[in-house]
């Protein structure tokens, strides 16, 4: 890795932000990349906003400032949209269409924002944008995070190889869940983008 990078993971409680962060941190250590992580917010409430900032490289903290994110992994579309201030022209973004409706939408006081308009906007603002409109039906929703990580490992300039992430999964995950996690990762790694409505 030629320079410091910052990764931001955004979603809501229950989507596995801590789990995904642990695997990325392990992949960094296995790759001999200095790593730090910011405070993770929102864990006290299932469905509440959760973010995790990861700094990679010498003297690179997990603190995320404005226009400071190189890779954004969004586990929920609206929470991905909330991270716009942290992106810049050379940022890469991957996110999936797994919507967790906020209270205002469930109470019919607001409408969920148009995700396709957001994808089109992002595509004109960032270096690379990958949007998973439809996840494979064979994957449990709790492993969408790992599926996204698998697909992210094929993006330009992603800091870890698929092999290092696989090693990290084998190191971090134990028991029955390891096989399911690896399967979700491989499905993401092999996923071919089809023409989507965006």
C-alpha atoms as a PDB file:
ATOM      1  CA  UNK A   1       0.000   0.000   0.000  1.00  0.00           C
ATOM      2  CA  UNK A   2       1.655   3.214  -1.189  1.00  0.00           C
ATOM      3  CA  UNK A   3      -0.090   5.727   1.074  1.00  0.00           C
ATOM      4  CA  UNK A   4      -2.415   6.033   4.011  1.00  0.00           C
ATOM      5  CA  UNK A   5      -6.062   5.207   3.428  1.00  0.00           C
ATOM      6  CA  UNK A   6      -9.237   5.621   5.400  1.00  0.00           C
ATOM      7  CA  UNK A   7     -12.220   3.286   5.298  1.00  0.00           C
ATOM      8  CA  UNK A   8     -15.641   4.211   6.621  1.00  0.00           C
ATOM      9  CA  UNK A   9     -18.310   1.590   7.268  1.00  0.00           C
ATOM     10  CA  UNK A  10     -21.825   2.945   7.684  1.00  0.00           C
ATOM     11  CA  UNK A  11     -25.101   1.250   8.502  1.00  0.00           C
ATOM     12  CA  UNK A  12     -27.500   0.629  11.344  1.00  0.00           C
ATOM     13  CA  UNK A  13     -27.365  -1.522  14.452  1.00  0.00           C
ATOM     14  CA  UNK A  14     -27.765  -5.211  13.666  1.00  0.00           C
ATOM     15  CA  UNK A  15     -26.075  -5.114  10.245  1.00  0.00           C
ATOM     16  CA  UNK A  16     -22.713  -6.366  11.495  1.00  0.00           C
ATOM     17  CA  UNK A  17     -20.555  -3.218  11.427  1.00  0.00           C
ATOM     18  CA  UNK A  18     -18.391  -4.464  14.332  1.00  0.00           C
ATOM     19  CA  UNK A  19     -18.044  -7.906  12.732  1.00  0.00           C
ATOM     20  CA  UNK A  20     -16.986  -6.399   9.402  1.00  0.00           C
ATOM     21  CA  UNK A  21     -14.577  -3.991  11.118  1.00  0.00           C
ATOM     22  CA  UNK A  22     -12.924  -6.877  12.973  1.00  0.00           C
ATOM     23  CA  UNK A  23     -12.244  -8.744   9.745  1.00  0.00           C
ATOM     24  CA  UNK A  24     -10.822  -5.651   8.009  1.00  0.00           C
ATOM     25  CA  UNK A  25      -8.599  -4.880  11.015  1.00  0.00           C
ATOM     26  CA  UNK A  26      -7.310  -8.472  11.016  1.00  0.00           C
ATOM     27  CA  UNK A  27      -6.650  -8.268   7.252  1.00  0.00           C
ATOM     28  CA  UNK A  28      -4.591  -5.119   7.859  1.00  0.00           C
ATOM     29  CA  UNK A  29      -2.513  -6.811  10.563  1.00  0.00           C
ATOM     30  CA  UNK A  30      -1.950  -9.854   8.366  1.00  0.00           C
ATOM     31  CA  UNK A  31      -0.818  -7.483   5.590  1.00  0.00           C
ATOM     32  CA  UNK A  32       1.610  -5.710   7.971  1.00  0.00           C
ATOM     33  CA  UNK A  33      -0.307  -2.445   7.552  1.00  0.00           C
ATOM     34  CA  UNK A  34      -0.553  -0.251  10.673  1.00  0.00           C
ATOM     35  CA  UNK A  35      -4.228   0.089  11.583  1.00  0.00           C
ATOM     36  CA  UNK A  36      -6.367   2.088  13.969  1.00  0.00           C
ATOM     37  CA  UNK A  37     -10.118   2.290  14.448  1.00  0.00           C
ATOM     38  CA  UNK A  38     -12.289   5.136  15.648  1.00  0.00           C
ATOM     39  CA  UNK A  39     -14.960   4.901  18.287  1.00  0.00           C
ATOM     40  CA  UNK A  40     -17.931   2.995  16.924  1.00  0.00           C
ATOM     41  CA  UNK A  41     -21.177   4.875  17.452  1.00  0.00           C
ATOM     42  CA  UNK A  42     -24.746   3.710  17.835  1.00  0.00           C
ATOM     43  CA  UNK A  43     -24.372   0.260  19.366  1.00  0.00           C
ATOM     44  CA  UNK A  44     -26.781   0.983  22.211  1.00  0.00           C
ATOM     45  CA  UNK A  45     -29.809   0.771  19.964  1.00  0.00           C
ATOM     46  CA  UNK A  46     -30.649  -1.872  17.392  1.00  0.00           C
ATOM     47  CA  UNK A  47     -31.589  -0.006  14.247  1.00  0.00           C
ATOM     48  CA  UNK A  48     -29.665   3.099  15.364  1.00  0.00           C
ATOM     49  CA  UNK A  49     -26.991   4.694  13.221  1.00  0.00           C
ATOM     50  CA  UNK A  50     -23.609   2.926  13.407  1.00  0.00           C
ATOM     51  CA  UNK A  51     -20.327   4.046  11.830  1.00  0.00           C
ATOM     52  CA  UNK A  52     -16.799   2.715  12.068  1.00  0.00           C
ATOM     53  CA  UNK A  53     -13.738   4.589  10.825  1.00  0.00           C
ATOM     54  CA  UNK A  54     -10.570   2.626  10.058  1.00  0.00           C
ATOM     55  CA  UNK A  55      -7.207   4.263   9.398  1.00  0.00           C
ATOM     56  CA  UNK A  56      -4.559   2.352   7.453  1.00  0.00           C
ATOM     57  CA  UNK A  57      -0.910   3.367   7.397  1.00  0.00           C
ATOM     58  CA  UNK A  58       1.666   5.088   9.571  1.00  0.00           C
ATOM     59  CA  UNK A  59       0.202   7.689  11.942  1.00  0.00           C
ATOM     60  CA  UNK A  60      -3.213   7.359  10.285  1.00  0.00           C
ATOM     61  CA  UNK A  61      -6.026   7.447  12.816  1.00  0.00           C
ATOM     62  CA  UNK A  62      -9.526   6.094  12.451  1.00  0.00           C
ATOM     63  CA  UNK A  63     -10.955   9.582  12.888  1.00  0.00           C
ATOM     64  CA  UNK A  64     -12.899  10.590   9.790  1.00  0.00           C
ATOM     65  CA  UNK A  65     -13.008  14.256   8.800  1.00  0.00           C
ATOM     66  CA  UNK A  66     -14.760  16.047   5.971  1.00  0.00           C
ATOM     67  CA  UNK A  67     -13.644  14.736   2.552  1.00  0.00           C
ATOM     68  CA  UNK A  68     -11.426  12.235   4.378  1.00  0.00           C
ATOM     69  CA  UNK A  69     -12.730   8.829   3.236  1.00  0.00           C
ATOM     70  CA  UNK A  70     -11.009   6.778   0.548  1.00  0.00           C
ATOM     71  CA  UNK A  71     -13.369   3.778   0.725  1.00  0.00           C
ATOM     72  CA  UNK A  72     -16.960   3.870   1.917  1.00  0.00           C
ATOM     73  CA  UNK A  73     -18.749   0.590   2.587  1.00  0.00           C
ATOM     74  CA  UNK A  74     -22.450   1.302   3.033  1.00  0.00           C
ATOM     75  CA  UNK A  75     -24.637  -1.398   4.523  1.00  0.00           C
ATOM     76  CA  UNK A  76     -27.824   0.681   4.215  1.00  0.00           C
ATOM     77  CA  UNK A  77     -28.601   3.177   1.407  1.00  0.00           C
ATOM     78  CA  UNK A  78     -29.814   6.097   3.514  1.00  0.00           C
ATOM     79  CA  UNK A  79     -26.858   5.796   5.898  1.00  0.00           C
ATOM     80  CA  UNK A  80     -24.576   5.715   2.848  1.00  0.00           C
ATOM     81  CA  UNK A  81     -26.163   8.946   1.673  1.00  0.00           C
ATOM     82  CA  UNK A  82     -25.559  10.565   5.060  1.00  0.00           C
ATOM     83  CA  UNK A  83     -21.818  10.031   4.506  1.00  0.00           C
ATOM     84  CA  UNK A  84     -21.597  12.326   1.466  1.00  0.00           C
ATOM     85  CA  UNK A  85     -19.628  15.028   3.363  1.00  0.00           C
ATOM     86  CA  UNK A  86     -16.820  12.519   3.972  1.00  0.00           C
ATOM     87  CA  UNK A  87     -16.273  11.716   0.287  1.00  0.00           C
ATOM     88  CA  UNK A  88     -14.012  13.322  -2.323  1.00  0.00           C
ATOM     89  CA  UNK A  89     -13.372  12.947  -6.051  1.00  0.00           C
ATOM     90  CA  UNK A  90     -11.009  10.005  -5.575  1.00  0.00           C
ATOM     91  CA  UNK A  91     -13.227   8.125  -3.122  1.00  0.00           C
ATOM     92  CA  UNK A  92     -14.569   4.663  -3.907  1.00  0.00           C
ATOM     93  CA  UNK A  93     -18.016   3.622  -2.705  1.00  0.00           C
ATOM     94  CA  UNK A  94     -19.730   0.265  -2.454  1.00  0.00           C
ATOM     95  CA  UNK A  95     -23.173  -0.138  -0.974  1.00  0.00           C
ATOM     96  CA  UNK A  96     -26.171  -2.419  -1.150  1.00  0.00           C
ATOM     97  CA  UNK A  97     -29.905  -1.993  -1.445  1.00  0.00           C
ATOM     98  CA  UNK A  98     -30.827  -3.393   1.973  1.00  0.00           C
ATOM     99  CA  UNK A  99     -33.160  -0.773   3.373  1.00  0.00           C
ATOM    100  CA  UNK A 100     -33.914  -0.308   7.043  1.00  0.00           C
ATOM    101  CA  UNK A 101     -36.799   2.155   7.154  1.00  0.00           C
ATOM    102  CA  UNK A 102     -36.340   4.982   9.676  1.00  0.00           C
ATOM    103  CA  UNK A 103     -39.191   5.884  12.008  1.00  0.00           C
ATOM    104  CA  UNK A 104     -40.338   8.854   9.915  1.00  0.00           C
ATOM    105  CA  UNK A 105     -40.790   6.617   6.861  1.00  0.00           C
ATOM    106  CA  UNK A 106     -42.554   3.865   8.820  1.00  0.00           C
ATOM    107  CA  UNK A 107     -44.866   6.499  10.339  1.00  0.00           C
ATOM    108  CA  UNK A 108     -45.583   7.815   6.810  1.00  0.00           C
ATOM    109  CA  UNK A 109     -44.260  11.251   7.744  1.00  0.00           C
ATOM    110  CA  UNK A 110     -41.526  11.091   5.075  1.00  0.00           C
ATOM    111  CA  UNK A 111     -40.602   9.126   1.970  1.00  0.00           C
ATOM    112  CA  UNK A 112     -37.492   7.018   1.593  1.00  0.00           C
ATOM    113  CA  UNK A 113     -35.083   8.869  -0.750  1.00  0.00           C
ATOM    114  CA  UNK A 114     -34.767   7.659  -4.357  1.00  0.00           C
ATOM    115  CA  UNK A 115     -31.734   5.354  -4.288  1.00  0.00           C
ATOM    116  CA  UNK A 116     -31.217   5.339  -8.055  1.00  0.00           C
ATOM    117  CA  UNK A 117     -30.941   9.138  -8.138  1.00  0.00           C
ATOM    118  CA  UNK A 118     -28.335   8.869  -5.397  1.00  0.00           C
ATOM    119  CA  UNK A 119     -26.358   6.248  -7.370  1.00  0.00           C
ATOM    120  CA  UNK A 120     -26.348   8.490 -10.442  1.00  0.00           C
ATOM    121  CA  UNK A 121     -25.183  11.450  -8.379  1.00  0.00           C
ATOM    122  CA  UNK A 122     -22.403   9.456  -6.700  1.00  0.00           C
ATOM    123  CA  UNK A 123     -21.188   8.123 -10.045  1.00  0.00           C
ATOM    124  CA  UNK A 124     -20.480  11.680 -11.152  1.00  0.00           C
ATOM    125  CA  UNK A 125     -18.747  12.639  -7.917  1.00  0.00           C
ATOM    126  CA  UNK A 126     -16.493   9.677  -7.014  1.00  0.00           C
ATOM    127  CA  UNK A 127     -13.803   7.577  -8.675  1.00  0.00           C
ATOM    128  CA  UNK A 128     -15.650   4.258  -8.474  1.00  0.00           C
ATOM    129  CA  UNK A 129     -19.157   3.366  -7.367  1.00  0.00           C
ATOM    130  CA  UNK A 130     -20.505  -0.175  -6.988  1.00  0.00           C
ATOM    131  CA  UNK A 131     -24.184  -0.507  -6.126  1.00  0.00           C
ATOM    132  CA  UNK A 132     -25.646  -3.934  -5.375  1.00  0.00           C
ATOM    133  CA  UNK A 133     -29.310  -3.484  -6.211  1.00  0.00           C
ATOM    134  CA  UNK A 134     -30.247  -7.120  -5.635  1.00  0.00           C
ATOM    135  CA  UNK A 135     -28.360  -9.479  -3.346  1.00  0.00           C
ATOM    136  CA  UNK A 136     -28.304 -13.187  -4.251  1.00  0.00           C
ATOM    137  CA  UNK A 137     -31.234 -14.958  -2.621  1.00  0.00           C
ATOM    138  CA  UNK A 138     -28.950 -17.652  -1.200  1.00  0.00           C
ATOM    139  CA  UNK A 139     -27.301 -15.214   1.235  1.00  0.00           C
ATOM    140  CA  UNK A 140     -28.662 -14.569   4.716  1.00  0.00           C
ATOM    141  CA  UNK A 141     -29.166 -10.807   5.187  1.00  0.00           C
ATOM    142  CA  UNK A 142     -26.850 -10.800   8.219  1.00  0.00           C
ATOM    143  CA  UNK A 143     -23.998 -11.652   5.830  1.00  0.00           C
ATOM    144  CA  UNK A 144     -24.655  -8.924   3.255  1.00  0.00           C
ATOM    145  CA  UNK A 145     -21.749  -7.089   4.896  1.00  0.00           C
ATOM    146  CA  UNK A 146     -19.355  -9.917   4.032  1.00  0.00           C
ATOM    147  CA  UNK A 147     -20.756 -10.190   0.512  1.00  0.00           C
ATOM    148  CA  UNK A 148     -20.017  -6.459   0.032  1.00  0.00           C
ATOM    149  CA  UNK A 149     -16.487  -6.982   1.356  1.00  0.00           C
ATOM    150  CA  UNK A 150     -15.950  -9.750  -1.184  1.00  0.00           C
ATOM    151  CA  UNK A 151     -17.064  -7.494  -4.032  1.00  0.00           C
ATOM    152  CA  UNK A 152     -15.063  -4.563  -2.605  1.00  0.00           C
ATOM    153  CA  UNK A 153     -11.871  -6.625  -2.775  1.00  0.00           C
ATOM    154  CA  UNK A 154     -12.117  -6.408  -6.589  1.00  0.00           C
ATOM    155  CA  UNK A 155     -12.346  -2.613  -6.644  1.00  0.00           C
ATOM    156  CA  UNK A 156      -9.432  -0.492  -7.852  1.00  0.00           C
ATOM    157  CA  UNK A 157      -6.902   0.336  -5.147  1.00  0.00           C
ATOM    158  CA  UNK A 158      -8.685  -1.655  -2.434  1.00  0.00           C
ATOM    159  CA  UNK A 159      -5.977  -2.058   0.227  1.00  0.00           C
ATOM    160  CA  UNK A 160      -6.311  -5.817   0.778  1.00  0.00           C
ATOM    161  CA  UNK A 161      -6.161  -8.818  -1.488  1.00  0.00           C
ATOM    162  CA  UNK A 162      -8.937 -11.396  -1.403  1.00  0.00           C
ATOM    163  CA  UNK A 163      -6.399 -13.878  -0.039  1.00  0.00           C
ATOM    164  CA  UNK A 164      -5.635 -11.677   2.994  1.00  0.00           C
ATOM    165  CA  UNK A 165      -9.325 -11.189   3.702  1.00  0.00           C
ATOM    166  CA  UNK A 166      -9.862 -14.939   3.495  1.00  0.00           C
ATOM    167  CA  UNK A 167      -7.005 -15.412   5.978  1.00  0.00           C
ATOM    168  CA  UNK A 168      -8.604 -12.802   8.237  1.00  0.00           C
ATOM    169  CA  UNK A 169     -11.946 -14.620   8.194  1.00  0.00           C
ATOM    170  CA  UNK A 170     -10.206 -17.870   9.080  1.00  0.00           C
ATOM    171  CA  UNK A 171      -8.463 -16.100  11.957  1.00  0.00           C
ATOM    172  CA  UNK A 172     -11.411 -14.118  13.364  1.00  0.00           C
ATOM    173  CA  UNK A 173     -14.409 -16.376  12.777  1.00  0.00           C
ATOM    174  CA  UNK A 174     -14.837 -19.735  14.483  1.00  0.00           C
ATOM    175  CA  UNK A 175     -17.155 -22.695  14.326  1.00  0.00           C
ATOM    176  CA  UNK A 176     -20.170 -23.133  12.082  1.00  0.00           C
ATOM    177  CA  UNK A 177     -20.306 -19.426  11.194  1.00  0.00           C
ATOM    178  CA  UNK A 178     -16.885 -19.540   9.501  1.00  0.00           C
ATOM    179  CA  UNK A 179     -18.176 -21.639   6.601  1.00  0.00           C
ATOM    180  CA  UNK A 180     -21.184 -19.358   6.055  1.00  0.00           C
ATOM    181  CA  UNK A 181     -18.980 -16.254   6.210  1.00  0.00           C
ATOM    182  CA  UNK A 182     -16.512 -17.631   3.681  1.00  0.00           C
ATOM    183  CA  UNK A 183     -19.336 -18.648   1.362  1.00  0.00           C
ATOM    184  CA  UNK A 184     -20.796 -15.120   1.450  1.00  0.00           C
ATOM    185  CA  UNK A 185     -17.327 -13.666   0.827  1.00  0.00           C
ATOM    186  CA  UNK A 186     -16.709 -15.920  -2.207  1.00  0.00           C
ATOM    187  CA  UNK A 187     -20.141 -15.077  -3.652  1.00  0.00           C
ATOM    188  CA  UNK A 188     -19.283 -11.383  -3.401  1.00  0.00           C
ATOM    189  CA  UNK A 189     -15.833 -11.933  -4.868  1.00  0.00           C
ATOM    190  CA  UNK A 190     -17.298 -13.744  -7.884  1.00  0.00           C
ATOM    191  CA  UNK A 191     -20.332 -11.488  -8.294  1.00  0.00           C
ATOM    192  CA  UNK A 192     -20.685 -10.081 -11.793  1.00  0.00           C
ATOM    193  CA  UNK A 193     -22.531  -6.791 -12.062  1.00  0.00           C
ATOM    194  CA  UNK A 194     -25.584  -6.895 -14.291  1.00  0.00           C
ATOM    195  CA  UNK A 195     -27.131  -3.841 -15.845  1.00  0.00           C
ATOM    196  CA  UNK A 196     -29.261  -2.351 -13.111  1.00  0.00           C
ATOM    197  CA  UNK A 197     -31.958   0.289 -13.092  1.00  0.00           C
ATOM    198  CA  UNK A 198     -29.578   3.001 -11.887  1.00  0.00           C
END
